[in-house]
Amino acid sequence: MAAFGRRPGLTMATQLMKSLTRSSNSRSLCGIVNSEVITSHTAKWMQDTSKKSPMELIDEVPPIKVEGRIVACEGDNDPALGHPIEFICLDKEEPAVCKYCGLRYVQHHHH
């Protein structure tokens, strides 16, 4: 009896999976957006040249001066708005860039 009770649920799940995989404008099951959707969205976003791109906006932020050799970047003071913590070494003269948010850091030398 228990096996019989699960059968309609299995059939419904199978039908749902089939309908999801047939849909051309929905997200695929692995979480990747249809390439057609990405292309049209990106093209629409890039048409508005009056707004700066995120890369241009982050480049306007001057490098952040820090005292030590290593900085921990979280992207934002609020953990809900930030990214995974990244420890960045500042041994080089040029600013080091966070791979998540693009913020730049430089070691402040007191001489």
PDB file of N, CA and C in Angstrom:
ATOM      1  N   MET A   1       0.823  -1.186   0.000  1.00  0.00           N
ATOM      2  CA  MET A   1       0.000   0.000   0.000  1.00  0.00           C
ATOM      3  C   MET A   1       0.867   1.250   0.000  1.00  0.00           C
ATOM      4  N   ALA A   2       1.973   1.254   0.762  1.00  0.00           N
ATOM      5  CA  ALA A   2       2.850   2.421   0.820  1.00  0.00           C
ATOM      6  C   ALA A   2       3.453   2.712  -0.545  1.00  0.00           C
ATOM      7  N   ALA A   3       3.836   1.660  -1.273  1.00  0.00           N
ATOM      8  CA  ALA A   3       4.413   1.861  -2.600  1.00  0.00           C
ATOM      9  C   ALA A   3       3.381   2.435  -3.552  1.00  0.00           C
ATOM     10  N   PHE A   4       2.125   2.021  -3.392  1.00  0.00           N
ATOM     11  CA  PHE A   4       1.063   2.530  -4.258  1.00  0.00           C
ATOM     12  C   PHE A   4       0.831   4.024  -3.990  1.00  0.00           C
ATOM     13  N   GLY A   5       0.949   4.451  -2.724  1.00  0.00           N
ATOM     14  CA  GLY A   5       0.744   5.857  -2.354  1.00  0.00           C
ATOM     15  C   GLY A   5       1.815   6.772  -2.925  1.00  0.00           C
ATOM     16  N   ARG A   6       3.017   6.274  -3.122  1.00  0.00           N
ATOM     17  CA  ARG A   6       4.112   7.086  -3.659  1.00  0.00           C
ATOM     18  C   ARG A   6       4.060   7.196  -5.178  1.00  0.00           C
ATOM     19  N   ARG A   7       3.408   6.289  -5.820  1.00  0.00           N
ATOM     20  CA  ARG A   7       3.397   6.243  -7.288  1.00  0.00           C
ATOM     21  C   ARG A   7       2.812   7.507  -7.931  1.00  0.00           C
ATOM     22  N   PRO A   8       1.638   8.015  -7.479  1.00  0.00           N
ATOM     23  CA  PRO A   8       1.119   9.239  -8.094  1.00  0.00           C
ATOM     24  C   PRO A   8       2.058  10.424  -7.900  1.00  0.00           C
ATOM     25  N   GLY A   9       2.727  10.506  -6.752  1.00  0.00           N
ATOM     26  CA  GLY A   9       3.683  11.590  -6.520  1.00  0.00           C
ATOM     27  C   GLY A   9       4.863  11.507  -7.466  1.00  0.00           C
ATOM     28  N   LEU A  10       5.331  10.284  -7.719  1.00  0.00           N
ATOM     29  CA  LEU A  10       6.441  10.083  -8.642  1.00  0.00           C
ATOM     30  C   LEU A  10       6.039  10.478 -10.058  1.00  0.00           C
ATOM     31  N   THR A  11       4.820  10.128 -10.446  1.00  0.00           N
ATOM     32  CA  THR A  11       4.321  10.477 -11.770  1.00  0.00           C
ATOM     33  C   THR A  11       4.211  11.988 -11.911  1.00  0.00           C
ATOM     34  N   MET A  12       3.725  12.664 -10.878  1.00  0.00           N
ATOM     35  CA  MET A  12       3.593  14.109 -10.928  1.00  0.00           C
ATOM     36  C   MET A  12       4.971  14.777 -11.010  1.00  0.00           C
ATOM     37  N   ALA A  13       5.928  14.277 -10.256  1.00  0.00           N
ATOM     38  CA  ALA A  13       7.281  14.825 -10.294  1.00  0.00           C
ATOM     39  C   ALA A  13       7.911  14.618 -11.666  1.00  0.00           C
ATOM     40  N   THR A  14       7.694  13.457 -12.255  1.00  0.00           N
ATOM     41  CA  THR A  14       8.229  13.179 -13.586  1.00  0.00           C
ATOM     42  C   THR A  14       7.634  14.129 -14.609  1.00  0.00           C
ATOM     43  N   GLN A  15       6.318  14.372 -14.539  1.00  0.00           N
ATOM     44  CA  GLN A  15       5.676  15.302 -15.468  1.00  0.00           C
ATOM     45  C   GLN A  15       6.195  16.720 -15.281  1.00  0.00           C
ATOM     46  N   LEU A  16       6.409  17.124 -14.034  1.00  0.00           N
ATOM     47  CA  LEU A  16       6.942  18.445 -13.750  1.00  0.00           C
ATOM     48  C   LEU A  16       8.346  18.593 -14.336  1.00  0.00           C
ATOM     49  N   MET A  17       9.198  17.595 -14.152  1.00  0.00           N
ATOM     50  CA  MET A  17      10.558  17.641 -14.697  1.00  0.00           C
ATOM     51  C   MET A  17      10.537  17.755 -16.215  1.00  0.00           C
ATOM     52  N   LYS A  18       9.642  17.004 -16.852  1.00  0.00           N
ATOM     53  CA  LYS A  18       9.539  17.050 -18.308  1.00  0.00           C
ATOM     54  C   LYS A  18       9.100  18.424 -18.782  1.00  0.00           C
ATOM     55  N   SER A  19       8.137  19.026 -18.091  1.00  0.00           N
ATOM     56  CA  SER A  19       7.670  20.351 -18.508  1.00  0.00           C
ATOM     57  C   SER A  19       8.737  21.410 -18.275  1.00  0.00           C
ATOM     58  N   LEU A  20       9.519  21.279 -17.213  1.00  0.00           N
ATOM     59  CA  LEU A  20      10.599  22.244 -16.956  1.00  0.00           C
ATOM     60  C   LEU A  20      11.705  22.150 -17.996  1.00  0.00           C
ATOM     61  N   THR A  21      12.048  20.946 -18.399  1.00  0.00           N
ATOM     62  CA  THR A  21      13.132  20.789 -19.369  1.00  0.00           C
ATOM     63  C   THR A  21      12.704  21.171 -20.769  1.00  0.00           C
ATOM     64  N   ARG A  22      11.402  21.155 -21.053  1.00  0.00           N
ATOM     65  CA  ARG A  22      10.913  21.561 -22.369  1.00  0.00           C
ATOM     66  C   ARG A  22      10.814  23.069 -22.503  1.00  0.00           C
ATOM     67  N   SER A  23      10.672  23.793 -21.425  1.00  0.00           N
ATOM     68  CA  SER A  23      10.484  25.238 -21.466  1.00  0.00           C
ATOM     69  C   SER A  23      11.754  25.910 -21.967  1.00  0.00           C
ATOM     70  N   SER A  24      11.608  26.780 -22.969  1.00  0.00           N
ATOM     71  CA  SER A  24      12.794  27.398 -23.570  1.00  0.00           C
ATOM     72  C   SER A  24      13.164  28.718 -22.916  1.00  0.00           C
ATOM     73  N   ASN A  25      12.218  29.384 -22.230  1.00  0.00           N
ATOM     74  CA  ASN A  25      12.545  30.685 -21.663  1.00  0.00           C
ATOM     75  C   ASN A  25      12.734  30.645 -20.146  1.00  0.00           C
ATOM     76  N   SER A  26      12.773  29.487 -19.559  1.00  0.00           N
ATOM     77  CA  SER A  26      12.977  29.395 -18.117  1.00  0.00           C
ATOM     78  C   SER A  26      14.426  29.037 -17.815  1.00  0.00           C
ATOM     79  N   ARG A  27      14.760  29.140 -16.572  1.00  0.00           N
ATOM     80  CA  ARG A  27      16.113  28.764 -16.155  1.00  0.00           C
ATOM     81  C   ARG A  27      16.266  27.267 -16.254  1.00  0.00           C
ATOM     82  N   SER A  28      17.440  26.841 -16.596  1.00  0.00           N
ATOM     83  CA  SER A  28      17.672  25.402 -16.670  1.00  0.00           C
ATOM     84  C   SER A  28      17.789  24.840 -15.267  1.00  0.00           C
ATOM     85  N   LEU A  29      17.773  23.544 -15.152  1.00  0.00           N
ATOM     86  CA  LEU A  29      17.781  22.902 -13.847  1.00  0.00           C
ATOM     87  C   LEU A  29      19.110  23.045 -13.128  1.00  0.00           C
ATOM     88  N   CYS A  30      20.178  23.333 -13.830  1.00  0.00           N
ATOM     89  CA  CYS A  30      21.481  23.461 -13.171  1.00  0.00           C
ATOM     90  C   CYS A  30      21.750  24.887 -12.723  1.00  0.00           C
ATOM     91  N   GLY A  31      20.794  25.820 -12.911  1.00  0.00           N
ATOM     92  CA  GLY A  31      20.952  27.173 -12.414  1.00  0.00           C
ATOM     93  C   GLY A  31      21.572  28.126 -13.409  1.00  0.00           C
ATOM     94  N   ILE A  32      21.822  27.692 -14.618  1.00  0.00           N
ATOM     95  CA  ILE A  32      22.401  28.564 -15.626  1.00  0.00           C
ATOM     96  C   ILE A  32      21.271  29.178 -16.437  1.00  0.00           C
ATOM     97  N   VAL A  33      21.334  30.474 -16.644  1.00  0.00           N
ATOM     98  CA  VAL A  33      20.293  31.171 -17.385  1.00  0.00           C
ATOM     99  C   VAL A  33      20.493  30.919 -18.872  1.00  0.00           C
ATOM    100  N   ASN A  34      19.407  30.798 -19.580  1.00  0.00           N
ATOM    101  CA  ASN A  34      19.426  30.613 -21.026  1.00  0.00           C
ATOM    102  C   ASN A  34      20.301  31.700 -21.652  1.00  0.00           C
ATOM    103  N   SER A  35      21.185  31.356 -22.573  1.00  0.00           N
ATOM    104  CA  SER A  35      22.118  32.316 -23.165  1.00  0.00           C
ATOM    105  C   SER A  35      21.395  33.410 -23.929  1.00  0.00           C
ATOM    106  N   GLU A  36      20.225  33.119 -24.475  1.00  0.00           N
ATOM    107  CA  GLU A  36      19.434  34.122 -25.178  1.00  0.00           C
ATOM    108  C   GLU A  36      18.996  35.225 -24.219  1.00  0.00           C
ATOM    109  N   VAL A  37      18.596  34.839 -23.027  1.00  0.00           N
ATOM    110  CA  VAL A  37      18.171  35.799 -22.016  1.00  0.00           C
ATOM    111  C   VAL A  37      19.342  36.656 -21.576  1.00  0.00           C
ATOM    112  N   ILE A  38      20.489  36.058 -21.359  1.00  0.00           N
ATOM    113  CA  ILE A  38      21.671  36.805 -20.936  1.00  0.00           C
ATOM    114  C   ILE A  38      22.054  37.832 -21.998  1.00  0.00           C
ATOM    115  N   THR A  39      22.101  37.435 -23.241  1.00  0.00           N
ATOM    116  CA  THR A  39      22.507  38.323 -24.313  1.00  0.00           C
ATOM    117  C   THR A  39      21.571  39.513 -24.429  1.00  0.00           C
ATOM    118  N   SER A  40      20.261  39.286 -24.400  1.00  0.00           N
ATOM    119  CA  SER A  40      19.322  40.394 -24.543  1.00  0.00           C
ATOM    120  C   SER A  40      19.370  41.315 -23.324  1.00  0.00           C
ATOM    121  N   HIS A  41      19.515  40.753 -22.136  1.00  0.00           N
ATOM    122  CA  HIS A  41      19.595  41.574 -20.932  1.00  0.00           C
ATOM    123  C   HIS A  41      20.852  42.443 -20.951  1.00  0.00           C
ATOM    124  N   THR A  42      21.975  41.861 -21.282  1.00  0.00           N
ATOM    125  CA  THR A  42      23.237  42.593 -21.320  1.00  0.00           C
ATOM    126  C   THR A  42      23.195  43.684 -22.377  1.00  0.00           C
ATOM    127  N   ALA A  43      22.656  43.376 -23.546  1.00  0.00           N
ATOM    128  CA  ALA A  43      22.559  44.366 -24.614  1.00  0.00           C
ATOM    129  C   ALA A  43      21.680  45.531 -24.187  1.00  0.00           C
ATOM    130  N   LYS A  44      20.575  45.244 -23.522  1.00  0.00           N
ATOM    131  CA  LYS A  44      19.674  46.306 -23.062  1.00  0.00           C
ATOM    132  C   LYS A  44      20.388  47.185 -22.035  1.00  0.00           C
ATOM    133  N   TRP A  45      21.132  46.562 -21.118  1.00  0.00           N
ATOM    134  CA  TRP A  45      21.833  47.296 -20.077  1.00  0.00           C
ATOM    135  C   TRP A  45      22.943  48.150 -20.660  1.00  0.00           C
ATOM    136  N   MET A  46      23.643  47.635 -21.662  1.00  0.00           N
ATOM    137  CA  MET A  46      24.775  48.357 -22.256  1.00  0.00           C
ATOM    138  C   MET A  46      24.335  49.503 -23.167  1.00  0.00           C
ATOM    139  N   GLN A  47      23.068  49.560 -23.589  1.00  0.00           N
ATOM    140  CA  GLN A  47      22.596  50.634 -24.452  1.00  0.00           C
ATOM    141  C   GLN A  47      22.556  51.974 -23.731  1.00  0.00           C
ATOM    142  N   ASP A  48      22.314  51.973 -22.453  1.00  0.00           N
ATOM    143  CA  ASP A  48      22.211  53.217 -21.691  1.00  0.00           C
ATOM    144  C   ASP A  48      23.607  53.708 -21.337  1.00  0.00           C
ATOM    145  N   THR A  49      24.144  54.609 -22.165  1.00  0.00           N
ATOM    146  CA  THR A  49      25.511  55.095 -21.944  1.00  0.00           C
ATOM    147  C   THR A  49      25.558  56.261 -20.966  1.00  0.00           C
ATOM    148  N   SER A  50      24.387  56.752 -20.507  1.00  0.00           N
ATOM    149  CA  SER A  50      24.377  57.853 -19.552  1.00  0.00           C
ATOM    150  C   SER A  50      24.792  57.388 -18.158  1.00  0.00           C
ATOM    151  N   LYS A  51      24.653  56.089 -17.888  1.00  0.00           N
ATOM    152  CA  LYS A  51      25.027  55.548 -16.589  1.00  0.00           C
ATOM    153  C   LYS A  51      26.399  54.907 -16.673  1.00  0.00           C
ATOM    154  N   LYS A  52      27.123  54.990 -15.566  1.00  0.00           N
ATOM    155  CA  LYS A  52      28.442  54.362 -15.508  1.00  0.00           C
ATOM    156  C   LYS A  52      28.293  52.885 -15.193  1.00  0.00           C
ATOM    157  N   SER A  53      29.211  52.096 -15.721  1.00  0.00           N
ATOM    158  CA  SER A  53      29.214  50.667 -15.433  1.00  0.00           C
ATOM    159  C   SER A  53      29.712  50.453 -14.003  1.00  0.00           C
ATOM    160  N   PRO A  54      29.433  49.296 -13.423  1.00  0.00           N
ATOM    161  CA  PRO A  54      29.955  49.018 -12.082  1.00  0.00           C
ATOM    162  C   PRO A  54      31.475  49.108 -12.017  1.00  0.00           C
ATOM    163  N   MET A  55      32.149  48.720 -13.093  1.00  0.00           N
ATOM    164  CA  MET A  55      33.616  48.785 -13.088  1.00  0.00           C
ATOM    165  C   MET A  55      34.095  50.235 -13.060  1.00  0.00           C
ATOM    166  N   GLU A  56      33.404  51.114 -13.780  1.00  0.00           N
ATOM    167  CA  GLU A  56      33.772  52.537 -13.765  1.00  0.00           C
ATOM    168  C   GLU A  56      33.524  53.146 -12.389  1.00  0.00           C
ATOM    169  N   LEU A  57      32.437  52.755 -11.761  1.00  0.00           N
ATOM    170  CA  LEU A  57      32.127  53.283 -10.431  1.00  0.00           C
ATOM    171  C   LEU A  57      33.156  52.839  -9.395  1.00  0.00           C
ATOM    172  N   ILE A  58      33.565  51.590  -9.430  1.00  0.00           N
ATOM    173  CA  ILE A  58      34.536  51.103  -8.444  1.00  0.00           C
ATOM    174  C   ILE A  58      35.918  51.704  -8.700  1.00  0.00           C
ATOM    175  N   ASP A  59      36.230  52.016  -9.961  1.00  0.00           N
ATOM    176  CA  ASP A  59      37.514  52.657 -10.275  1.00  0.00           C
ATOM    177  C   ASP A  59      37.596  54.077  -9.729  1.00  0.00           C
ATOM    178  N   GLU A  60      36.457  54.713  -9.487  1.00  0.00           N
ATOM    179  CA  GLU A  60      36.441  56.064  -8.931  1.00  0.00           C
ATOM    180  C   GLU A  60      36.790  56.084  -7.447  1.00  0.00           C
ATOM    181  N   VAL A  61      36.669  54.954  -6.781  1.00  0.00           N
ATOM    182  CA  VAL A  61      37.018  54.870  -5.358  1.00  0.00           C
ATOM    183  C   VAL A  61      38.534  54.834  -5.252  1.00  0.00           C
ATOM    184  N   PRO A  62      39.130  55.792  -4.522  1.00  0.00           N
ATOM    185  CA  PRO A  62      40.596  55.783  -4.399  1.00  0.00           C
ATOM    186  C   PRO A  62      41.068  54.570  -3.604  1.00  0.00           C
ATOM    187  N   PRO A  63      42.313  54.145  -3.821  1.00  0.00           N
ATOM    188  CA  PRO A  63      42.838  53.014  -3.035  1.00  0.00           C
ATOM    189  C   PRO A  63      42.764  53.308  -1.535  1.00  0.00           C
ATOM    190  N   ILE A  64      42.391  52.327  -0.774  1.00  0.00           N
ATOM    191  CA  ILE A  64      42.244  52.470   0.670  1.00  0.00           C
ATOM    192  C   ILE A  64      43.595  52.225   1.321  1.00  0.00           C
ATOM    193  N   LYS A  65      44.060  53.202   2.120  1.00  0.00           N
ATOM    194  CA  LYS A  65      45.344  53.078   2.799  1.00  0.00           C
ATOM    195  C   LYS A  65      45.155  52.340   4.114  1.00  0.00           C
ATOM    196  N   VAL A  66      46.007  51.341   4.347  1.00  0.00           N
ATOM    197  CA  VAL A  66      45.946  50.550   5.579  1.00  0.00           C
ATOM    198  C   VAL A  66      47.331  50.488   6.216  1.00  0.00           C
ATOM    199  N   GLU A  67      47.357  50.248   7.513  1.00  0.00           N
ATOM    200  CA  GLU A  67      48.611  50.235   8.268  1.00  0.00           C
ATOM    201  C   GLU A  67      49.428  48.964   8.069  1.00  0.00           C
ATOM    202  N   GLY A  68      48.809  47.818   8.110  1.00  0.00           N
ATOM    203  CA  GLY A  68      49.544  46.555   8.102  1.00  0.00           C
ATOM    204  C   GLY A  68      49.871  46.035   6.714  1.00  0.00           C
ATOM    205  N   ARG A  69      50.487  44.844   6.690  1.00  0.00           N
ATOM    206  CA  ARG A  69      50.850  44.180   5.433  1.00  0.00           C
ATOM    207  C   ARG A  69      49.693  43.420   4.823  1.00  0.00           C
ATOM    208  N   ILE A  70      48.716  43.044   5.654  1.00  0.00           N
ATOM    209  CA  ILE A  70      47.600  42.221   5.184  1.00  0.00           C
ATOM    210  C   ILE A  70      46.289  42.899   5.565  1.00  0.00           C
ATOM    211  N   VAL A  71      45.366  42.907   4.618  1.00  0.00           N
ATOM    212  CA  VAL A  71      44.046  43.487   4.855  1.00  0.00           C
ATOM    213  C   VAL A  71      42.998  42.403   4.618  1.00  0.00           C
ATOM    214  N   ALA A  72      41.924  42.461   5.388  1.00  0.00           N
ATOM    215  CA  ALA A  72      40.807  41.535   5.213  1.00  0.00           C
ATOM    216  C   ALA A  72      39.657  42.314   4.577  1.00  0.00           C
ATOM    217  N   CYS A  73      39.325  41.996   3.341  1.00  0.00           N
ATOM    218  CA  CYS A  73      38.249  42.687   2.631  1.00  0.00           C
ATOM    219  C   CYS A  73      36.977  41.847   2.714  1.00  0.00           C
ATOM    220  N   GLU A  74      35.891  42.508   3.103  1.00  0.00           N
ATOM    221  CA  GLU A  74      34.580  41.857   3.155  1.00  0.00           C
ATOM    222  C   GLU A  74      33.581  42.554   2.238  1.00  0.00           C
ATOM    223  N   GLY A  75      34.031  43.585   1.505  1.00  0.00           N
ATOM    224  CA  GLY A  75      33.171  44.274   0.557  1.00  0.00           C
ATOM    225  C   GLY A  75      32.320  45.361   1.165  1.00  0.00           C
ATOM    226  N   ASP A  76      31.820  45.166   2.382  1.00  0.00           N
ATOM    227  CA  ASP A  76      30.967  46.140   3.038  1.00  0.00           C
ATOM    228  C   ASP A  76      31.010  45.890   4.536  1.00  0.00           C
ATOM    229  N   ASN A  77      30.713  46.911   5.308  1.00  0.00           N
ATOM    230  CA  ASN A  77      30.675  46.735   6.763  1.00  0.00           C
ATOM    231  C   ASN A  77      29.522  45.846   7.192  1.00  0.00           C
ATOM    232  N   ASP A  78      28.457  45.832   6.409  1.00  0.00           N
ATOM    233  CA  ASP A  78      27.302  44.974   6.695  1.00  0.00           C
ATOM    234  C   ASP A  78      27.530  43.616   6.041  1.00  0.00           C
ATOM    235  N   PRO A  79      27.648  42.536   6.815  1.00  0.00           N
ATOM    236  CA  PRO A  79      27.907  41.207   6.238  1.00  0.00           C
ATOM    237  C   PRO A  79      26.859  40.769   5.219  1.00  0.00           C
ATOM    238  N   ALA A  80      25.635  41.256   5.352  1.00  0.00           N
ATOM    239  CA  ALA A  80      24.588  40.870   4.400  1.00  0.00           C
ATOM    240  C   ALA A  80      24.829  41.468   3.020  1.00  0.00           C
ATOM    241  N   LEU A  81      25.573  42.551   2.944  1.00  0.00           N
ATOM    242  CA  LEU A  81      25.830  43.217   1.666  1.00  0.00           C
ATOM    243  C   LEU A  81      27.218  42.921   1.114  1.00  0.00           C
ATOM    244  N   GLY A  82      28.034  42.253   1.874  1.00  0.00           N
ATOM    245  CA  GLY A  82      29.414  42.015   1.477  1.00  0.00           C
ATOM    246  C   GLY A  82      29.617  40.749   0.681  1.00  0.00           C
ATOM    247  N   HIS A  83      30.820  40.196   0.796  1.00  0.00           N
ATOM    248  CA  HIS A  83      31.201  38.973   0.096  1.00  0.00           C
ATOM    249  C   HIS A  83      32.065  38.135   1.035  1.00  0.00           C
ATOM    250  N   PRO A  84      32.427  36.932   0.638  1.00  0.00           N
ATOM    251  CA  PRO A  84      33.315  36.133   1.500  1.00  0.00           C
ATOM    252  C   PRO A  84      34.609  36.898   1.802  1.00  0.00           C
ATOM    253  N   ILE A  85      35.105  36.740   2.990  1.00  0.00           N
ATOM    254  CA  ILE A  85      36.307  37.467   3.395  1.00  0.00           C
ATOM    255  C   ILE A  85      37.504  37.035   2.552  1.00  0.00           C
ATOM    256  N   GLU A  86      38.270  38.028   2.116  1.00  0.00           N
ATOM    257  CA  GLU A  86      39.487  37.746   1.359  1.00  0.00           C
ATOM    258  C   GLU A  86      40.636  38.470   2.040  1.00  0.00           C
ATOM    259  N   PHE A  87      41.697  37.727   2.353  1.00  0.00           N
ATOM    260  CA  PHE A  87      42.885  38.313   2.945  1.00  0.00           C
ATOM    261  C   PHE A  87      43.830  38.679   1.813  1.00  0.00           C
ATOM    262  N   ILE A  88      44.223  39.951   1.775  1.00  0.00           N
ATOM    263  CA  ILE A  88      45.032  40.472   0.673  1.00  0.00           C
ATOM    264  C   ILE A  88      46.379  40.935   1.210  1.00  0.00           C
ATOM    265  N   CYS A  89      47.446  40.458   0.591  1.00  0.00           N
ATOM    266  CA  CYS A  89      48.805  40.841   0.963  1.00  0.00           C
ATOM    267  C   CYS A  89      49.181  42.118   0.223  1.00  0.00           C
ATOM    268  N   LEU A  90      49.767  43.072   0.948  1.00  0.00           N
ATOM    269  CA  LEU A  90      50.092  44.387   0.379  1.00  0.00           C
ATOM    270  C   LEU A  90      51.591  44.621   0.260  1.00  0.00           C
ATOM    271  N   ASP A  91      52.359  43.589  -0.044  1.00  0.00           N
ATOM    272  CA  ASP A  91      53.814  43.721  -0.120  1.00  0.00           C
ATOM    273  C   ASP A  91      54.289  44.484  -1.353  1.00  0.00           C
ATOM    274  N   LYS A  92      53.504  44.538  -2.383  1.00  0.00           N
ATOM    275  CA  LYS A  92      53.921  45.220  -3.615  1.00  0.00           C
ATOM    276  C   LYS A  92      53.585  46.708  -3.545  1.00  0.00           C
ATOM    277  N   GLU A  93      54.242  47.489  -4.389  1.00  0.00           N
ATOM    278  CA  GLU A  93      54.033  48.940  -4.398  1.00  0.00           C
ATOM    279  C   GLU A  93      52.680  49.334  -4.982  1.00  0.00           C
ATOM    280  N   GLU A  94      52.248  48.627  -6.042  1.00  0.00           N
ATOM    281  CA  GLU A  94      50.962  48.971  -6.656  1.00  0.00           C
ATOM    282  C   GLU A  94      49.812  48.469  -5.780  1.00  0.00           C
ATOM    283  N   PRO A  95      48.652  49.133  -5.870  1.00  0.00           N
ATOM    284  CA  PRO A  95      47.512  48.709  -5.061  1.00  0.00           C
ATOM    285  C   PRO A  95      47.094  47.275  -5.368  1.00  0.00           C
ATOM    286  N   ALA A  96      46.705  46.552  -4.327  1.00  0.00           N
ATOM    287  CA  ALA A  96      46.185  45.186  -4.481  1.00  0.00           C
ATOM    288  C   ALA A  96      44.671  45.281  -4.620  1.00  0.00           C
ATOM    289  N   VAL A  97      44.114  44.438  -5.476  1.00  0.00           N
ATOM    290  CA  VAL A  97      42.689  44.506  -5.793  1.00  0.00           C
ATOM    291  C   VAL A  97      41.968  43.288  -5.226  1.00  0.00           C
ATOM    292  N   CYS A  98      40.821  43.528  -4.601  1.00  0.00           N
ATOM    293  CA  CYS A  98      39.977  42.435  -4.110  1.00  0.00           C
ATOM    294  C   CYS A  98      39.322  41.755  -5.305  1.00  0.00           C
ATOM    295  N   LYS A  99      39.412  40.428  -5.363  1.00  0.00           N
ATOM    296  CA  LYS A  99      38.869  39.694  -6.508  1.00  0.00           C
ATOM    297  C   LYS A  99      37.351  39.657  -6.517  1.00  0.00           C
ATOM    298  N   TYR A 100      36.706  39.952  -5.388  1.00  0.00           N
ATOM    299  CA  TYR A 100      35.255  39.927  -5.331  1.00  0.00           C
ATOM    300  C   TYR A 100      34.621  41.273  -5.684  1.00  0.00           C
ATOM    301  N   CYS A 101      35.101  42.345  -5.068  1.00  0.00           N
ATOM    302  CA  CYS A 101      34.418  43.634  -5.226  1.00  0.00           C
ATOM    303  C   CYS A 101      35.222  44.673  -5.996  1.00  0.00           C
ATOM    304  N   GLY A 102      36.511  44.436  -6.198  1.00  0.00           N
ATOM    305  CA  GLY A 102      37.322  45.376  -6.963  1.00  0.00           C
ATOM    306  C   GLY A 102      37.911  46.520  -6.154  1.00  0.00           C
ATOM    307  N   LEU A 103      37.639  46.572  -4.849  1.00  0.00           N
ATOM    308  CA  LEU A 103      38.249  47.615  -4.027  1.00  0.00           C
ATOM    309  C   LEU A 103      39.763  47.443  -4.042  1.00  0.00           C
ATOM    310  N   ARG A 104      40.471  48.574  -4.035  1.00  0.00           N
ATOM    311  CA  ARG A 104      41.937  48.542  -4.073  1.00  0.00           C
ATOM    312  C   ARG A 104      42.491  48.973  -2.717  1.00  0.00           C
ATOM    313  N   TYR A 105      43.561  48.306  -2.326  1.00  0.00           N
ATOM    314  CA  TYR A 105      44.206  48.590  -1.051  1.00  0.00           C
ATOM    315  C   TYR A 105      45.689  48.820  -1.273  1.00  0.00           C
ATOM    316  N   VAL A 106      46.249  49.735  -0.464  1.00  0.00           N
ATOM    317  CA  VAL A 106      47.681  50.008  -0.527  1.00  0.00           C
ATOM    318  C   VAL A 106      48.179  50.196   0.907  1.00  0.00           C
ATOM    319  N   GLN A 107      49.408  49.737   1.149  1.00  0.00           N
ATOM    320  CA  GLN A 107      49.995  49.869   2.478  1.00  0.00           C
ATOM    321  C   GLN A 107      50.471  51.290   2.688  1.00  0.00           C
ATOM    322  N   HIS A 108      50.055  51.904   3.802  1.00  0.00           N
ATOM    323  CA  HIS A 108      50.440  53.267   4.135  1.00  0.00           C
ATOM    324  C   HIS A 108      51.738  53.226   4.938  1.00  0.00           C
ATOM    325  N   HIS A 109      52.802  53.734   4.343  1.00  0.00           N
ATOM    326  CA  HIS A 109      54.129  53.727   4.997  1.00  0.00           C
ATOM    327  C   HIS A 109      54.330  55.020   5.763  1.00  0.00           C
ATOM    328  N   HIS A 110      54.733  54.908   7.020  1.00  0.00           N
ATOM    329  CA  HIS A 110      55.029  56.084   7.831  1.00  0.00           C
ATOM    330  C   HIS A 110      56.540  56.299   7.818  1.00  0.00           C
ATOM    331  N   HIS A 111      56.997  57.285   7.083  1.00  0.00           N
ATOM    332  CA  HIS A 111      58.438  57.588   7.057  1.00  0.00           C
ATOM    333  C   HIS A 111      58.679  58.989   7.445  1.00  0.00           C
TER     334      HIS A 111
END
